[in-house]
Amino acid sequence: MHQFQVYKIGPEIKLGSVDLSFTNASLFMLISAFTICLFLFLGSKKKSIIPDRVQLIAELFYNFIAKMISDTAGSKAKPYFPFIFCLFMFVLLCNMIGMLPYSFTVTSHIIVTLVMALFIFIAVTVIGFLKHGFKYLSLFVPKGVPVVLLPLITVIEIISYLSRPVSLSVRLFANMMAGHTMLKVFGSFVISLGLLGGWLPLSFSVALTGLEILVAFLQAYVFAILTCIYLNDALNLHH
């Protein structure tokens, strides 16, 4: 399926054994980042009391993320608002741009989602140790657990903690890849069956497209809110 193929654009660039060539994935990540910057610039340019449509949408996103951080991680997480906001907007734009014909879905590749998830995991762990020191390890020892079960529960908690980047990255990657694969399958049925027999798979394709738009937003939301939950553990040491 060509929509999942990564290919080079321009000359090949290598640093030793590492390939640093510019690819279609790099291009669409830059397009997503540029679109976000342009949207936020236009949304915050006038700052009028009666906002226009762009400013209104920008303020809705701002308030939506601010409320999500406040509800899940509390006031201590406010300094991390810019990161969570950028993370949500980047994942959302990458998902949405991937819905356009002849585009490329960056988040349908595990390497992209895994790198983001690993960065979040490492950053949250560093924040937890900087704030609480070795007391942060008490996160793996839940309160009220019988002494007999404590070794088993501790091992389970450690495995659960270490699996965070895997679950965070695979959830986004799998949902986006599966959705686009289904669209491709039903689209090929429409072409092969023709005008007379293709109306049924065509109707499924239309319904799936609407569902994929919803999934694109939900996956960006889930990615951001799980980041807030992990940040809450690091800041408030809830266990």
C-alpha atoms as a PDB file:
ATOM      1  CA  MET A   1       0.000   0.000   0.000  1.00  0.00           C
ATOM      2  CA  HIS A   2       1.712   3.133  -1.275  1.00  0.00           C
ATOM      3  CA  GLN A   3       0.210   5.392   1.385  1.00  0.00           C
ATOM      4  CA  PHE A   4       2.399   3.710   4.023  1.00  0.00           C
ATOM      5  CA  GLN A   5       5.622   3.766   1.977  1.00  0.00           C
ATOM      6  CA  VAL A   6       8.414   6.091   3.100  1.00  0.00           C
ATOM      7  CA  TYR A   7      10.547   7.364   0.217  1.00  0.00           C
ATOM      8  CA  LYS A   8      13.349   9.884  -0.065  1.00  0.00           C
ATOM      9  CA  ILE A   9      12.886  13.383  -1.443  1.00  0.00           C
ATOM     10  CA  GLY A  10      16.028  15.022  -2.797  1.00  0.00           C
ATOM     11  CA  PRO A  11      19.630  13.859  -2.363  1.00  0.00           C
ATOM     12  CA  GLU A  12      20.675  11.097  -0.015  1.00  0.00           C
ATOM     13  CA  ILE A  13      22.238  12.340   3.232  1.00  0.00           C
ATOM     14  CA  LYS A  14      24.190   9.913   5.417  1.00  0.00           C
ATOM     15  CA  LEU A  15      26.086  10.401   8.664  1.00  0.00           C
ATOM     16  CA  GLY A  16      28.073   7.204   9.006  1.00  0.00           C
ATOM     17  CA  SER A  17      25.533   4.390   9.033  1.00  0.00           C
ATOM     18  CA  VAL A  18      22.658   6.754   9.883  1.00  0.00           C
ATOM     19  CA  ASP A  19      20.434   7.837   6.985  1.00  0.00           C
ATOM     20  CA  LEU A  20      19.393  11.491   7.449  1.00  0.00           C
ATOM     21  CA  SER A  21      17.748  11.893   4.048  1.00  0.00           C
ATOM     22  CA  PHE A  22      14.637  14.053   3.737  1.00  0.00           C
ATOM     23  CA  THR A  23      11.551  11.867   3.195  1.00  0.00           C
ATOM     24  CA  ASN A  24       7.838  12.231   2.549  1.00  0.00           C
ATOM     25  CA  ALA A  25       7.310  11.598   6.286  1.00  0.00           C
ATOM     26  CA  SER A  26       9.598  14.543   7.072  1.00  0.00           C
ATOM     27  CA  LEU A  27       7.701  16.689   4.570  1.00  0.00           C
ATOM     28  CA  PHE A  28       4.295  16.023   6.090  1.00  0.00           C
ATOM     29  CA  MET A  29       5.607  16.554   9.622  1.00  0.00           C
ATOM     30  CA  LEU A  30       6.873  19.959   8.489  1.00  0.00           C
ATOM     31  CA  ILE A  31       3.529  20.685   6.807  1.00  0.00           C
ATOM     32  CA  SER A  32       1.706  19.814  10.044  1.00  0.00           C
ATOM     33  CA  ALA A  33       4.037  21.988  12.136  1.00  0.00           C
ATOM     34  CA  PHE A  34       3.756  24.903   9.685  1.00  0.00           C
ATOM     35  CA  THR A  35      -0.054  24.618   9.604  1.00  0.00           C
ATOM     36  CA  ILE A  36      -0.209  24.705  13.414  1.00  0.00           C
ATOM     37  CA  CYS A  37       2.060  27.771  13.579  1.00  0.00           C
ATOM     38  CA  LEU A  38       0.051  29.572  10.890  1.00  0.00           C
ATOM     39  CA  PHE A  39      -3.272  28.698  12.532  1.00  0.00           C
ATOM     40  CA  LEU A  40      -2.145  29.887  15.973  1.00  0.00           C
ATOM     41  CA  PHE A  41      -0.568  33.032  14.507  1.00  0.00           C
ATOM     42  CA  LEU A  42      -3.802  33.958  12.735  1.00  0.00           C
ATOM     43  CA  GLY A  43      -5.840  32.986  15.794  1.00  0.00           C
ATOM     44  CA  SER A  44      -3.864  35.196  18.160  1.00  0.00           C
ATOM     45  CA  LYS A  45      -3.072  38.066  15.792  1.00  0.00           C
ATOM     46  CA  LYS A  46      -6.084  40.338  16.445  1.00  0.00           C
ATOM     47  CA  LYS A  47      -7.004  39.349  20.020  1.00  0.00           C
ATOM     48  CA  SER A  48     -10.391  41.024  19.640  1.00  0.00           C
ATOM     49  CA  ILE A  49     -13.121  40.869  22.278  1.00  0.00           C
ATOM     50  CA  ILE A  50     -15.527  39.547  19.653  1.00  0.00           C
ATOM     51  CA  PRO A  51     -13.387  36.832  18.024  1.00  0.00           C
ATOM     52  CA  ASP A  52     -13.525  35.783  14.399  1.00  0.00           C
ATOM     53  CA  ARG A  53     -13.776  32.115  13.457  1.00  0.00           C
ATOM     54  CA  VAL A  54     -10.048  31.387  13.527  1.00  0.00           C
ATOM     55  CA  GLN A  55      -9.560  33.097  16.904  1.00  0.00           C
ATOM     56  CA  LEU A  56     -12.623  31.322  18.302  1.00  0.00           C
ATOM     57  CA  ILE A  57     -11.345  27.881  17.245  1.00  0.00           C
ATOM     58  CA  ALA A  58      -7.862  28.661  18.615  1.00  0.00           C
ATOM     59  CA  GLU A  59      -9.358  29.732  21.946  1.00  0.00           C
ATOM     60  CA  LEU A  60     -11.516  26.586  22.049  1.00  0.00           C
ATOM     61  CA  PHE A  61      -8.442  24.394  21.635  1.00  0.00           C
ATOM     62  CA  TYR A  62      -6.567  26.445  24.241  1.00  0.00           C
ATOM     63  CA  ASN A  63      -9.362  26.165  26.821  1.00  0.00           C
ATOM     64  CA  PHE A  64      -9.900  22.486  25.996  1.00  0.00           C
ATOM     65  CA  ILE A  65      -6.259  21.562  26.717  1.00  0.00           C
ATOM     66  CA  ALA A  66      -6.046  23.880  29.744  1.00  0.00           C
ATOM     67  CA  LYS A  67      -9.119  22.213  31.294  1.00  0.00           C
ATOM     68  CA  MET A  68      -7.810  18.731  30.486  1.00  0.00           C
ATOM     69  CA  ILE A  69      -4.495  19.451  32.233  1.00  0.00           C
ATOM     70  CA  SER A  70      -6.250  21.013  35.228  1.00  0.00           C
ATOM     71  CA  ASP A  71      -8.650  18.070  35.605  1.00  0.00           C
ATOM     72  CA  THR A  72      -6.059  15.307  35.245  1.00  0.00           C
ATOM     73  CA  ALA A  73      -2.790  16.715  36.632  1.00  0.00           C
ATOM     74  CA  GLY A  74      -3.818  19.717  38.740  1.00  0.00           C
ATOM     75  CA  SER A  75      -2.318  23.182  39.059  1.00  0.00           C
ATOM     76  CA  LYS A  76       1.246  21.865  39.376  1.00  0.00           C
ATOM     77  CA  ALA A  77       1.155  20.820  35.717  1.00  0.00           C
ATOM     78  CA  LYS A  78       0.410  24.332  34.377  1.00  0.00           C
ATOM     79  CA  PRO A  79       4.082  24.988  33.444  1.00  0.00           C
ATOM     80  CA  TYR A  80       3.858  22.012  31.073  1.00  0.00           C
ATOM     81  CA  PHE A  81       0.845  23.406  29.195  1.00  0.00           C
ATOM     82  CA  PRO A  82       2.869  24.495  26.112  1.00  0.00           C
ATOM     83  CA  PHE A  83       4.261  20.991  25.658  1.00  0.00           C
ATOM     84  CA  ILE A  84       0.897  19.229  26.062  1.00  0.00           C
ATOM     85  CA  PHE A  85      -0.798  21.750  23.773  1.00  0.00           C
ATOM     86  CA  CYS A  86       1.858  21.347  21.053  1.00  0.00           C
ATOM     87  CA  LEU A  87       1.734  17.560  21.415  1.00  0.00           C
ATOM     88  CA  PHE A  88      -2.047  17.451  21.012  1.00  0.00           C
ATOM     89  CA  MET A  89      -2.072  19.836  18.056  1.00  0.00           C
ATOM     90  CA  PHE A  90       0.770  18.031  16.283  1.00  0.00           C
ATOM     91  CA  VAL A  91      -0.822  14.582  16.611  1.00  0.00           C
ATOM     92  CA  LEU A  92      -4.225  15.976  15.621  1.00  0.00           C
ATOM     93  CA  LEU A  93      -2.879  17.758  12.514  1.00  0.00           C
ATOM     94  CA  CYS A  94      -0.839  14.725  11.447  1.00  0.00           C
ATOM     95  CA  ASN A  95      -3.959  12.568  11.790  1.00  0.00           C
ATOM     96  CA  MET A  96      -6.209  15.014   9.941  1.00  0.00           C
ATOM     97  CA  ILE A  97      -3.782  15.765   7.110  1.00  0.00           C
ATOM     98  CA  GLY A  98      -3.434  12.014   6.613  1.00  0.00           C
ATOM     99  CA  MET A  99      -7.127  11.931   5.713  1.00  0.00           C
ATOM    100  CA  LEU A 100      -6.544  14.040   2.609  1.00  0.00           C
ATOM    101  CA  PRO A 101      -6.137  12.253  -0.751  1.00  0.00           C
ATOM    102  CA  TYR A 102      -2.533  11.635  -1.860  1.00  0.00           C
ATOM    103  CA  SER A 103      -1.225  12.656   1.555  1.00  0.00           C
ATOM    104  CA  PHE A 104       0.871  10.702   4.061  1.00  0.00           C
ATOM    105  CA  THR A 105      -0.221   9.708   7.558  1.00  0.00           C
ATOM    106  CA  VAL A 106       2.826  10.247   9.758  1.00  0.00           C
ATOM    107  CA  THR A 107       1.176   8.711  12.826  1.00  0.00           C
ATOM    108  CA  SER A 108       0.513   5.431  11.001  1.00  0.00           C
ATOM    109  CA  HIS A 109       4.212   4.571  11.427  1.00  0.00           C
ATOM    110  CA  ILE A 110       5.311   3.010  14.703  1.00  0.00           C
ATOM    111  CA  ILE A 111       8.752   4.679  14.613  1.00  0.00           C
ATOM    112  CA  VAL A 112       7.155   8.149  14.809  1.00  0.00           C
ATOM    113  CA  THR A 113       4.713   7.333  17.608  1.00  0.00           C
ATOM    114  CA  LEU A 114       7.333   5.325  19.522  1.00  0.00           C
ATOM    115  CA  VAL A 115       9.867   8.180  19.496  1.00  0.00           C
ATOM    116  CA  MET A 116       7.220  10.586  20.838  1.00  0.00           C
ATOM    117  CA  ALA A 117       6.134   8.066  23.485  1.00  0.00           C
ATOM    118  CA  LEU A 118       9.736   7.378  24.569  1.00  0.00           C
ATOM    119  CA  PHE A 119      10.427  11.098  24.879  1.00  0.00           C
ATOM    120  CA  ILE A 120       7.325  11.520  27.080  1.00  0.00           C
ATOM    121  CA  PHE A 121       8.255   8.468  29.177  1.00  0.00           C
ATOM    122  CA  ILE A 122      11.834   9.640  29.772  1.00  0.00           C
ATOM    123  CA  ALA A 123      10.766  13.246  30.441  1.00  0.00           C
ATOM    124  CA  VAL A 124       8.094  12.221  32.960  1.00  0.00           C
ATOM    125  CA  THR A 125      10.519   9.868  34.730  1.00  0.00           C
ATOM    126  CA  VAL A 126      13.161  12.612  34.978  1.00  0.00           C
ATOM    127  CA  ILE A 127      10.556  15.071  36.307  1.00  0.00           C
ATOM    128  CA  GLY A 128       9.450  12.515  38.910  1.00  0.00           C
ATOM    129  CA  PHE A 129      12.995  11.927  40.204  1.00  0.00           C
ATOM    130  CA  LEU A 130      13.862  15.635  40.163  1.00  0.00           C
ATOM    131  CA  LYS A 131      10.777  16.488  42.193  1.00  0.00           C
ATOM    132  CA  HIS A 132      10.681  13.574  44.642  1.00  0.00           C
ATOM    133  CA  GLY A 133      14.128  11.999  44.497  1.00  0.00           C
ATOM    134  CA  PHE A 134      14.231   8.280  45.264  1.00  0.00           C
ATOM    135  CA  LYS A 135      10.832   8.640  46.946  1.00  0.00           C
ATOM    136  CA  TYR A 136       9.469   8.474  43.398  1.00  0.00           C
ATOM    137  CA  LEU A 137      10.115   4.714  43.537  1.00  0.00           C
ATOM    138  CA  SER A 138       7.247   4.465  46.039  1.00  0.00           C
ATOM    139  CA  LEU A 139       5.021   4.694  42.969  1.00  0.00           C
ATOM    140  CA  PHE A 140       5.675   0.979  42.511  1.00  0.00           C
ATOM    141  CA  VAL A 141       4.558   0.138  46.061  1.00  0.00           C
ATOM    142  CA  PRO A 142       0.791   0.809  46.339  1.00  0.00           C
ATOM    143  CA  LYS A 143      -0.583   1.602  49.772  1.00  0.00           C
ATOM    144  CA  GLY A 144      -2.664  -0.963  51.627  1.00  0.00           C
ATOM    145  CA  VAL A 145      -1.226  -4.009  49.864  1.00  0.00           C
ATOM    146  CA  PRO A 146      -0.641  -7.047  52.132  1.00  0.00           C
ATOM    147  CA  VAL A 147       3.032  -7.829  52.737  1.00  0.00           C
ATOM    148  CA  VAL A 148       2.626 -11.307  51.188  1.00  0.00           C
ATOM    149  CA  LEU A 149       1.448  -9.826  47.879  1.00  0.00           C
ATOM    150  CA  LEU A 150       3.836  -6.878  47.888  1.00  0.00           C
ATOM    151  CA  PRO A 151       6.649  -8.494  45.792  1.00  0.00           C
ATOM    152  CA  LEU A 152       4.189  -9.628  43.121  1.00  0.00           C
ATOM    153  CA  ILE A 153       2.342  -6.283  43.014  1.00  0.00           C
ATOM    154  CA  THR A 154       5.635  -4.371  42.836  1.00  0.00           C
ATOM    155  CA  VAL A 155       6.794  -6.433  39.846  1.00  0.00           C
ATOM    156  CA  ILE A 156       3.435  -5.883  38.124  1.00  0.00           C
ATOM    157  CA  GLU A 157       3.642  -2.121  38.777  1.00  0.00           C
ATOM    158  CA  ILE A 158       7.182  -1.939  37.355  1.00  0.00           C
ATOM    159  CA  ILE A 159       6.163  -3.882  34.221  1.00  0.00           C
ATOM    160  CA  SER A 160       3.096  -1.648  33.841  1.00  0.00           C
ATOM    161  CA  TYR A 161       5.249   1.477  34.160  1.00  0.00           C
ATOM    162  CA  LEU A 162       7.854   0.271  31.656  1.00  0.00           C
ATOM    163  CA  SER A 163       5.139  -0.688  29.159  1.00  0.00           C
ATOM    164  CA  ARG A 164       3.795   2.871  29.018  1.00  0.00           C
ATOM    165  CA  PRO A 165       5.727   3.946  25.889  1.00  0.00           C
ATOM    166  CA  VAL A 166       4.729   0.727  24.109  1.00  0.00           C
ATOM    167  CA  SER A 167       1.010   1.058  24.853  1.00  0.00           C
ATOM    168  CA  LEU A 168       1.037   4.803  24.129  1.00  0.00           C
ATOM    169  CA  SER A 169       2.726   4.413  20.754  1.00  0.00           C
ATOM    170  CA  VAL A 170       1.001   1.222  19.566  1.00  0.00           C
ATOM    171  CA  ARG A 171      -2.479   2.577  20.375  1.00  0.00           C
ATOM    172  CA  LEU A 172      -2.038   5.573  18.078  1.00  0.00           C
ATOM    173  CA  PHE A 173      -0.148   3.722  15.352  1.00  0.00           C
ATOM    174  CA  ALA A 174      -2.534   0.743  15.229  1.00  0.00           C
ATOM    175  CA  ASN A 175      -5.716   2.849  15.113  1.00  0.00           C
ATOM    176  CA  MET A 176      -4.466   5.083  12.320  1.00  0.00           C
ATOM    177  CA  MET A 177      -3.005   2.246  10.246  1.00  0.00           C
ATOM    178  CA  ALA A 178      -6.072   0.013  10.645  1.00  0.00           C
ATOM    179  CA  GLY A 179      -8.456   2.807   9.688  1.00  0.00           C
ATOM    180  CA  HIS A 180      -6.562   3.736   6.530  1.00  0.00           C
ATOM    181  CA  THR A 181      -6.194   0.078   5.586  1.00  0.00           C
ATOM    182  CA  MET A 182      -9.963  -0.416   5.842  1.00  0.00           C
ATOM    183  CA  LEU A 183     -10.566   2.662   3.682  1.00  0.00           C
ATOM    184  CA  LYS A 184      -8.148   1.281   1.090  1.00  0.00           C
ATOM    185  CA  VAL A 185      -9.869  -2.130   1.080  1.00  0.00           C
ATOM    186  CA  PHE A 186     -13.383  -0.740   0.641  1.00  0.00           C
ATOM    187  CA  GLY A 187     -12.101   1.743  -1.945  1.00  0.00           C
ATOM    188  CA  SER A 188     -10.666  -1.100  -4.012  1.00  0.00           C
ATOM    189  CA  PHE A 189     -14.027  -2.910  -3.797  1.00  0.00           C
ATOM    190  CA  VAL A 190     -15.767   0.148  -5.259  1.00  0.00           C
ATOM    191  CA  ILE A 191     -13.389   0.210  -8.219  1.00  0.00           C
ATOM    192  CA  SER A 192     -13.517  -3.550  -8.867  1.00  0.00           C
ATOM    193  CA  LEU A 193     -17.323  -3.856  -8.595  1.00  0.00           C
ATOM    194  CA  GLY A 194     -18.057  -0.817 -10.755  1.00  0.00           C
ATOM    195  CA  LEU A 195     -21.060   1.491 -10.687  1.00  0.00           C
ATOM    196  CA  LEU A 196     -23.743  -1.187 -10.264  1.00  0.00           C
ATOM    197  CA  GLY A 197     -22.226  -3.255  -7.468  1.00  0.00           C
ATOM    198  CA  GLY A 198     -20.020  -0.639  -5.864  1.00  0.00           C
ATOM    199  CA  TRP A 199     -22.704   1.388  -4.086  1.00  0.00           C
ATOM    200  CA  LEU A 200     -22.546  -0.764  -0.932  1.00  0.00           C
ATOM    201  CA  PRO A 201     -18.761  -0.573  -0.375  1.00  0.00           C
ATOM    202  CA  LEU A 202     -18.956   3.121  -1.359  1.00  0.00           C
ATOM    203  CA  SER A 203     -21.476   3.780   1.424  1.00  0.00           C
ATOM    204  CA  PHE A 204     -19.190   1.917   3.836  1.00  0.00           C
ATOM    205  CA  SER A 205     -16.257   4.037   2.671  1.00  0.00           C
ATOM    206  CA  VAL A 206     -18.185   7.253   3.338  1.00  0.00           C
ATOM    207  CA  ALA A 207     -19.198   6.032   6.808  1.00  0.00           C
ATOM    208  CA  LEU A 208     -15.633   4.908   7.559  1.00  0.00           C
ATOM    209  CA  THR A 209     -14.277   8.293   6.479  1.00  0.00           C
ATOM    210  CA  GLY A 210     -16.532  10.018   9.009  1.00  0.00           C
ATOM    211  CA  LEU A 211     -15.502   7.493  11.652  1.00  0.00           C
ATOM    212  CA  GLU A 212     -11.807   8.020  10.835  1.00  0.00           C
ATOM    213  CA  ILE A 213     -12.141  11.779  11.324  1.00  0.00           C
ATOM    214  CA  LEU A 214     -13.624  11.104  14.756  1.00  0.00           C
ATOM    215  CA  VAL A 215     -10.871   8.561  15.536  1.00  0.00           C
ATOM    216  CA  ALA A 216      -8.216  11.072  14.430  1.00  0.00           C
ATOM    217  CA  PHE A 217      -9.445  13.539  17.053  1.00  0.00           C
ATOM    218  CA  LEU A 218      -9.981  10.888  19.743  1.00  0.00           C
ATOM    219  CA  GLN A 219      -6.497   9.427  19.322  1.00  0.00           C
ATOM    220  CA  ALA A 220      -4.918  12.870  19.664  1.00  0.00           C
ATOM    221  CA  TYR A 221      -7.015  13.405  22.793  1.00  0.00           C
ATOM    222  CA  VAL A 222      -6.085  10.001  24.251  1.00  0.00           C
ATOM    223  CA  PHE A 223      -2.391  10.589  23.531  1.00  0.00           C
ATOM    224  CA  ALA A 224      -2.510  13.961  25.294  1.00  0.00           C
ATOM    225  CA  ILE A 225      -4.619  12.885  28.277  1.00  0.00           C
ATOM    226  CA  LEU A 226      -2.437   9.821  28.954  1.00  0.00           C
ATOM    227  CA  THR A 227       0.569  12.143  28.929  1.00  0.00           C
ATOM    228  CA  CYS A 228      -1.241  14.288  31.525  1.00  0.00           C
ATOM    229  CA  ILE A 229      -1.968  11.212  33.656  1.00  0.00           C
ATOM    230  CA  TYR A 230       1.694  10.157  33.554  1.00  0.00           C
ATOM    231  CA  LEU A 231       2.684  13.719  34.415  1.00  0.00           C
ATOM    232  CA  ASN A 232       0.250  13.659  37.330  1.00  0.00           C
ATOM    233  CA  ASP A 233       2.006  10.580  38.745  1.00  0.00           C
ATOM    234  CA  ALA A 234       5.368  12.350  38.474  1.00  0.00           C
ATOM    235  CA  LEU A 235       4.195  15.617  40.051  1.00  0.00           C
ATOM    236  CA  ASN A 236       1.744  14.441  42.693  1.00  0.00           C
ATOM    237  CA  LEU A 237       3.030  10.883  43.289  1.00  0.00           C
ATOM    238  CA  HIS A 238      -0.423   9.326  43.387  1.00  0.00           C
ATOM    239  CA  HIS A 239      -0.280   5.592  43.962  1.00  0.00           C
END
